[in-house]
Amino acid sequence: MAEKELAATAMRWFDENARDLPWREPDVGAWAILVSEVMLQQTPVVRVLPAWRAWLARWPVPAALAADPPAEAIRMWGRLGYPRRALRLRECAVAIVERHGGQVPTQLDELLALPGVGTYTARAVAAFAYGQRHPVVDTNVRRLVARAVAGEPDAGPATRPADLVATAELLPVEPARAARASAAFMELGALVCVARAPRCVDCPLASMCAWRASGRTAPVGPTRRPQRYAGTDRQVRGMLLAVLRETTGPVHRDRLDLVWDDDAQRARALAGLVDDGLVEPVGEAYVLAGDRHLADRRIPGPRPAAGPEAGVDPV
């Protein structure tokens, strides 16, 4: 199999089948792409779309977000889940303003040095915002390359240096086409070469796929079981954070006690929010990070709060 043939085939498929996503528009800037990449981590596209639009409507440039307190980022994050990402995005915005004059840097090493920006996100921004030739490797790409090139059913739970090398070898030499190929690999992995029931009959790479050639075409389950959510500390953290997010002043501890019956688990979840920098204690009350200036407001006493059945998202 010729590696460049695989990329060319994937790009032809992508040109005809790619989802119409706003962060793929040609006039979308690096900040908007960076925001989309952070939001899309562990979160489906359908949920990210409205949050992404609202975020950029409020903070169209890094300087706008950097000027607001962390609490506003947490509130704006809403129910996307894993709200530490909101803090990392704001820290990233501050660093972009302080180090790069408010412009998302173009160099990979500078992107990697931004708070909360790791191997995948830095390369995604460099490729998709600046048209550079970098292997953009997420779970979908690792799975696609493992099957098509190595003939393996899955690439394992974490990205390794070997995954970057294997993907880089597939990319066209010309940077803009390499970035396009990376987007095509990701889309194929997300829509066709999926984990549980790969749609091999619809895959444009089927004739050159080492895994299919081996005869191993039965559905393959994920390497890790989905994490349980109901009743976990993550659920309790989400419920506590929802109360704080929807309140404009300090929330008394007694009011938070109404959120969850298990005292030990509730205390542990609240302490975790404080340790993660999402929440700050103010005497016997709590506020979102950066909202300590609200501590002089009257702290309301306890009132009925949402029960365990209320919808919240992981934090």
Protein backbone atom coordinates (compact mmCIF):
# COMPACT_ATOMS: atom_id res chain seq x y z
CA MET A 1 0.00 0.00 0.00
CA ALA A 2 1.33 3.44 -0.91
CA GLU A 3 0.97 5.77 2.06
CA LYS A 4 0.24 8.84 -0.08
CA GLU A 5 -2.44 6.90 -1.97
CA LEU A 6 -4.22 6.31 1.34
CA ALA A 7 -4.19 10.04 2.11
CA ALA A 8 -5.35 10.96 -1.39
CA THR A 9 -8.24 8.50 -1.17
CA ALA A 10 -9.23 9.79 2.26
CA MET A 11 -9.19 13.38 1.02
CA ARG A 12 -11.40 12.58 -1.95
CA TRP A 13 -13.89 10.97 0.41
CA PHE A 14 -13.63 13.96 2.77
CA ASP A 15 -14.35 16.43 -0.02
CA GLU A 16 -17.68 14.70 -0.65
CA ASN A 17 -18.69 13.56 2.84
CA ALA A 18 -17.25 15.93 5.44
CA ARG A 19 -19.70 17.32 7.96
CA ASP A 20 -20.50 21.01 7.59
CA LEU A 21 -18.98 22.29 10.83
CA PRO A 22 -18.52 26.02 11.47
CA TRP A 23 -14.93 25.76 12.70
CA ARG A 24 -13.99 24.30 9.32
CA GLU A 25 -15.03 27.42 7.43
CA PRO A 26 -12.08 29.04 5.60
CA ASP A 27 -12.44 32.39 7.37
CA VAL A 28 -12.42 30.94 10.92
CA GLY A 29 -9.38 32.08 12.90
CA ALA A 30 -6.96 30.26 15.14
CA TRP A 31 -8.68 31.30 18.39
CA ALA A 32 -12.01 29.89 17.24
CA ILE A 33 -10.31 26.66 16.18
CA LEU A 34 -8.48 26.41 19.50
CA VAL A 35 -11.77 26.85 21.38
CA SER A 36 -13.43 24.16 19.26
CA GLU A 37 -10.62 21.68 19.85
CA VAL A 38 -10.77 22.14 23.63
CA MET A 39 -14.56 21.88 23.71
CA LEU A 40 -14.59 18.76 21.53
CA GLN A 41 -12.45 16.80 23.97
CA GLN A 42 -14.72 14.08 25.41
CA THR A 43 -17.82 15.95 24.20
CA PRO A 44 -20.02 15.20 21.15
CA VAL A 45 -20.19 17.71 18.31
CA VAL A 46 -23.94 18.25 18.73
CA ARG A 47 -23.39 19.59 22.25
CA VAL A 48 -20.36 21.66 21.33
CA LEU A 49 -21.97 23.57 18.47
CA PRO A 50 -24.21 25.93 20.51
CA ALA A 51 -21.61 26.34 23.26
CA TRP A 52 -18.90 27.21 20.72
CA ARG A 53 -21.07 29.85 19.05
CA ALA A 54 -22.08 31.39 22.38
CA TRP A 55 -18.49 31.40 23.66
CA LEU A 56 -17.13 33.19 20.59
CA ALA A 57 -20.03 35.64 20.54
CA ARG A 58 -18.99 36.72 24.01
CA TRP A 59 -15.22 36.30 23.68
CA PRO A 60 -14.30 36.61 19.99
CA VAL A 61 -10.61 37.15 20.80
CA PRO A 62 -8.35 35.89 23.59
CA ALA A 63 -8.05 39.34 25.16
CA ALA A 64 -11.79 39.49 25.80
CA LEU A 65 -11.74 36.25 27.77
CA ALA A 66 -8.53 37.15 29.59
CA ALA A 67 -10.19 40.35 30.87
CA ASP A 68 -13.02 38.45 32.57
CA PRO A 69 -12.70 36.51 35.86
CA PRO A 70 -12.49 32.71 35.81
CA ALA A 71 -16.02 32.45 37.22
CA GLU A 72 -17.45 33.84 34.00
CA ALA A 73 -15.71 31.16 31.96
CA ILE A 74 -17.08 28.47 34.28
CA ARG A 75 -20.60 29.89 33.99
CA MET A 76 -20.36 30.17 30.22
CA TRP A 77 -19.14 26.59 30.01
CA GLY A 78 -22.55 25.55 31.28
CA ARG A 79 -23.22 21.82 31.06
CA LEU A 80 -20.52 20.83 28.60
CA GLY A 81 -18.87 18.77 31.32
CA TYR A 82 -15.29 18.64 32.59
CA PRO A 83 -15.34 22.39 33.40
CA ARG A 84 -11.65 22.49 34.19
CA ARG A 85 -11.36 22.94 30.45
CA ALA A 86 -13.00 26.36 30.88
CA LEU A 87 -10.29 27.37 33.34
CA ARG A 88 -7.57 26.08 31.03
CA LEU A 89 -9.03 28.05 28.12
CA ARG A 90 -9.02 31.24 30.16
CA GLU A 91 -5.46 30.59 31.37
CA CYS A 92 -4.55 29.99 27.75
CA ALA A 93 -6.13 33.30 26.75
CA VAL A 94 -4.17 35.13 29.45
CA ALA A 95 -0.93 33.53 28.25
CA ILE A 96 -1.70 34.43 24.63
CA VAL A 97 -2.22 38.07 25.64
CA GLU A 98 0.87 38.23 27.84
CA ARG A 99 3.27 36.29 25.63
CA HIS A 100 1.98 36.75 22.10
CA GLY A 101 0.23 40.11 21.96
CA GLY A 102 -3.22 38.55 21.89
CA GLN A 103 -2.58 36.41 18.81
CA VAL A 104 -2.60 32.60 18.92
CA PRO A 105 1.01 31.65 18.18
CA THR A 106 1.89 29.90 14.94
CA GLN A 107 4.84 27.78 16.09
CA LEU A 108 4.28 24.31 17.49
CA ASP A 109 6.65 24.78 20.45
CA GLU A 110 4.86 27.98 21.43
CA LEU A 111 1.48 26.30 21.16
CA LEU A 112 2.68 23.42 23.32
CA ALA A 113 3.83 25.91 25.96
CA LEU A 114 0.32 27.34 26.40
CA PRO A 115 -1.58 26.22 29.54
CA GLY A 116 -3.74 23.21 28.95
CA VAL A 117 -2.58 22.70 25.36
CA GLY A 118 -1.19 19.22 24.80
CA THR A 119 0.22 17.16 21.96
CA TYR A 120 -3.04 16.77 20.07
CA THR A 121 -4.46 20.29 20.51
CA ALA A 122 -1.21 22.05 19.58
CA ARG A 123 -0.86 20.08 16.36
CA ALA A 124 -4.54 20.47 15.52
CA VAL A 125 -4.29 24.26 15.76
CA ALA A 126 -1.02 24.34 13.80
CA ALA A 127 -2.54 22.19 11.06
CA PHE A 128 -6.12 23.43 10.85
CA ALA A 129 -5.55 27.12 11.62
CA TYR A 130 -2.17 27.63 9.98
CA GLY A 131 -2.02 24.89 7.37
CA GLN A 132 1.16 23.29 8.71
CA ARG A 133 2.32 19.72 8.22
CA HIS A 134 1.93 17.96 11.57
CA PRO A 135 0.41 14.58 12.45
CA VAL A 136 -2.87 15.35 14.20
CA VAL A 137 -3.56 12.20 16.17
CA ASP A 138 -6.66 11.64 18.27
CA THR A 139 -8.38 8.38 19.22
CA ASN A 140 -10.13 8.15 15.85
CA VAL A 141 -6.95 8.67 13.86
CA ARG A 142 -4.99 6.16 15.95
CA ARG A 143 -7.67 3.54 15.37
CA LEU A 144 -7.84 4.25 11.64
CA VAL A 145 -4.06 4.04 11.19
CA ALA A 146 -3.77 0.95 13.38
CA ARG A 147 -6.32 -0.88 11.23
CA ALA A 148 -5.42 0.39 7.77
CA VAL A 149 -1.63 0.26 8.11
CA ALA A 150 -0.72 -2.12 10.93
CA GLY A 151 -3.66 -4.51 10.61
CA GLU A 152 -4.47 -4.15 14.30
CA PRO A 153 -8.04 -3.76 15.63
CA ASP A 154 -7.16 -0.86 17.91
CA ALA A 155 -4.21 1.32 18.84
CA GLY A 156 -4.64 1.25 22.63
CA PRO A 157 -5.84 3.85 25.11
CA ALA A 158 -3.12 6.52 24.80
CA THR A 159 -1.17 8.27 22.06
CA ARG A 160 2.46 7.16 21.80
CA PRO A 161 5.35 8.71 19.85
CA ALA A 162 5.06 5.78 17.44
CA ASP A 163 1.50 6.87 16.61
CA LEU A 164 2.73 10.32 15.60
CA VAL A 165 5.46 8.79 13.43
CA ALA A 166 3.09 6.34 11.74
CA THR A 167 0.56 9.07 10.95
CA ALA A 168 3.21 11.53 9.76
CA GLU A 169 4.41 8.96 7.21
CA LEU A 170 0.95 8.97 5.64
CA LEU A 171 0.75 12.73 5.13
CA PRO A 172 1.41 14.43 1.79
CA VAL A 173 4.56 16.54 1.64
CA GLU A 174 2.75 19.79 0.84
CA PRO A 175 1.65 21.33 4.18
CA ALA A 176 -1.85 22.45 3.21
CA ARG A 177 -2.66 19.03 1.75
CA ALA A 178 -1.18 17.37 4.84
CA ALA A 179 -3.54 19.39 7.03
CA ARG A 180 -6.43 18.38 4.79
CA ALA A 181 -5.40 14.73 5.06
CA SER A 182 -5.33 14.99 8.84
CA ALA A 183 -8.89 16.32 8.83
CA ALA A 184 -9.94 13.50 6.49
CA PHE A 185 -8.39 10.82 8.72
CA MET A 186 -10.20 12.23 11.74
CA GLU A 187 -13.54 12.33 9.92
CA LEU A 188 -13.19 8.78 8.63
CA GLY A 189 -12.34 7.55 12.11
CA ALA A 190 -15.28 9.39 13.64
CA LEU A 191 -17.92 8.40 11.09
CA VAL A 192 -16.82 5.17 9.37
CA CYS A 193 -13.91 3.40 11.06
CA VAL A 194 -15.65 3.51 14.43
CA ALA A 195 -14.73 1.37 17.42
CA ARG A 196 -17.67 -0.97 17.92
CA ALA A 197 -19.08 -1.57 14.43
CA PRO A 198 -16.81 -0.23 11.70
CA ARG A 199 -18.63 0.43 8.43
CA CYS A 200 -16.07 -1.34 6.28
CA VAL A 201 -18.42 -1.67 3.30
CA ASP A 202 -18.69 2.14 3.17
CA CYS A 203 -15.02 2.87 3.77
CA PRO A 204 -13.01 4.32 0.85
CA LEU A 205 -9.89 2.70 2.31
CA ALA A 206 -11.34 -0.82 2.38
CA SER A 207 -9.29 -2.07 -0.60
CA MET A 208 -6.03 -0.97 1.01
CA CYS A 209 -6.83 -1.74 4.66
CA ALA A 210 -4.49 -4.29 6.26
CA TRP A 211 -7.01 -5.17 8.97
CA ARG A 212 -9.78 -5.91 6.46
CA ALA A 213 -7.35 -7.88 4.31
CA SER A 214 -6.59 -10.09 7.31
CA GLY A 215 -10.22 -11.17 7.41
CA ARG A 216 -10.86 -9.66 10.86
CA THR A 217 -13.98 -7.71 9.97
CA ALA A 218 -16.20 -8.48 12.95
CA PRO A 219 -17.18 -5.52 15.17
CA VAL A 220 -14.59 -4.70 17.79
CA GLY A 221 -15.47 -3.31 21.20
CA PRO A 222 -13.64 -0.39 22.79
CA THR A 223 -10.44 -1.08 24.72
CA ARG A 224 -11.95 0.55 27.79
CA ARG A 225 -15.41 0.22 29.29
CA PRO A 226 -17.42 3.44 29.55
CA GLN A 227 -17.07 5.00 32.97
CA ARG A 228 -20.06 4.80 35.29
CA TYR A 229 -21.45 8.25 36.07
CA ALA A 230 -24.60 7.93 38.19
CA GLY A 231 -23.81 8.12 41.89
CA THR A 232 -20.14 8.97 41.41
CA ASP A 233 -18.19 11.92 42.79
CA ARG A 234 -18.30 13.36 39.27
CA GLN A 235 -22.08 13.54 39.43
CA VAL A 236 -22.01 15.18 42.85
CA ARG A 237 -19.39 17.67 41.71
CA GLY A 238 -21.62 18.57 38.78
CA MET A 239 -24.63 19.10 41.02
CA LEU A 240 -22.69 21.32 43.42
CA LEU A 241 -21.21 23.32 40.58
CA ALA A 242 -24.63 23.78 38.99
CA VAL A 243 -25.91 25.51 42.15
CA LEU A 244 -22.87 27.79 42.30
CA ARG A 245 -22.97 28.53 38.57
CA GLU A 246 -26.58 29.62 38.72
CA THR A 247 -26.08 31.89 41.73
CA THR A 248 -24.69 35.41 41.52
CA GLY A 249 -23.39 35.53 45.08
CA PRO A 250 -21.87 33.26 47.73
CA VAL A 251 -23.71 30.03 48.49
CA HIS A 252 -23.87 28.96 52.12
CA ARG A 253 -22.61 25.51 53.01
CA ASP A 254 -26.05 24.58 54.40
CA ARG A 255 -27.60 25.15 51.00
CA LEU A 256 -25.02 22.95 49.31
CA ASP A 257 -25.74 20.25 51.89
CA LEU A 258 -29.18 19.86 50.32
CA VAL A 259 -27.71 18.75 47.01
CA TRP A 260 -26.63 15.24 48.06
CA ASP A 261 -27.49 13.08 51.06
CA ASP A 262 -24.13 11.35 51.54
CA ASP A 263 -22.18 13.77 53.74
CA ALA A 264 -18.79 12.17 53.15
CA GLN A 265 -19.18 12.01 49.38
CA ARG A 266 -20.54 15.54 49.19
CA ALA A 267 -17.65 16.90 51.27
CA ARG A 268 -15.16 15.01 49.13
CA ALA A 269 -16.69 16.35 45.92
CA LEU A 270 -16.72 19.91 47.22
CA ALA A 271 -13.11 19.64 48.35
CA GLY A 272 -12.21 18.37 44.88
CA LEU A 273 -13.81 21.42 43.26
CA VAL A 274 -11.75 23.65 45.54
CA ASP A 275 -8.55 21.72 44.84
CA ASP A 276 -9.18 22.00 41.10
CA GLY A 277 -9.49 25.79 41.33
CA LEU A 278 -13.13 25.83 40.25
CA VAL A 279 -14.57 26.94 43.59
CA GLU A 280 -13.32 29.14 46.44
CA PRO A 281 -14.42 29.07 50.10
CA VAL A 282 -15.53 32.32 51.68
CA GLY A 283 -16.08 31.66 55.36
CA GLU A 284 -19.00 29.22 55.57
CA ALA A 285 -19.94 29.89 51.95
CA TYR A 286 -18.52 29.15 48.51
CA VAL A 287 -18.21 31.04 45.23
CA LEU A 288 -16.95 30.20 41.78
CA ALA A 289 -13.25 30.90 41.21
CA GLY A 290 -12.63 34.62 40.86
CA ASP A 291 -15.92 35.66 42.47
CA ARG A 292 -14.53 36.46 45.92
CA HIS A 293 -15.45 40.10 45.32
CA LEU A 294 -19.07 39.00 45.79
CA ALA A 295 -18.41 37.87 49.36
CA ASP A 296 -19.81 41.09 50.84
CA ARG A 297 -23.25 40.23 49.48
CA ARG A 298 -25.81 38.74 51.82
CA ILE A 299 -25.35 34.99 51.89
CA PRO A 300 -28.74 33.31 51.49
CA GLY A 301 -29.62 30.44 53.76
CA PRO A 302 -30.51 26.95 52.63
CA ARG A 303 -33.35 26.34 50.23
CA PRO A 304 -34.48 23.32 48.24
CA ALA A 305 -31.99 22.33 45.58
CA ALA A 306 -32.06 19.92 42.69
CA GLY A 307 -32.20 16.28 43.75
CA PRO A 308 -30.01 13.47 42.49
CA GLU A 309 -32.22 13.01 39.45
CA ALA A 310 -31.42 16.49 38.11
CA GLY A 311 -29.42 16.53 34.88
CA VAL A 312 -25.82 17.56 35.33
CA ASP A 313 -22.68 16.77 33.47
CA PRO A 314 -19.30 15.36 34.48
CA VAL A 315 -16.73 17.59 36.12
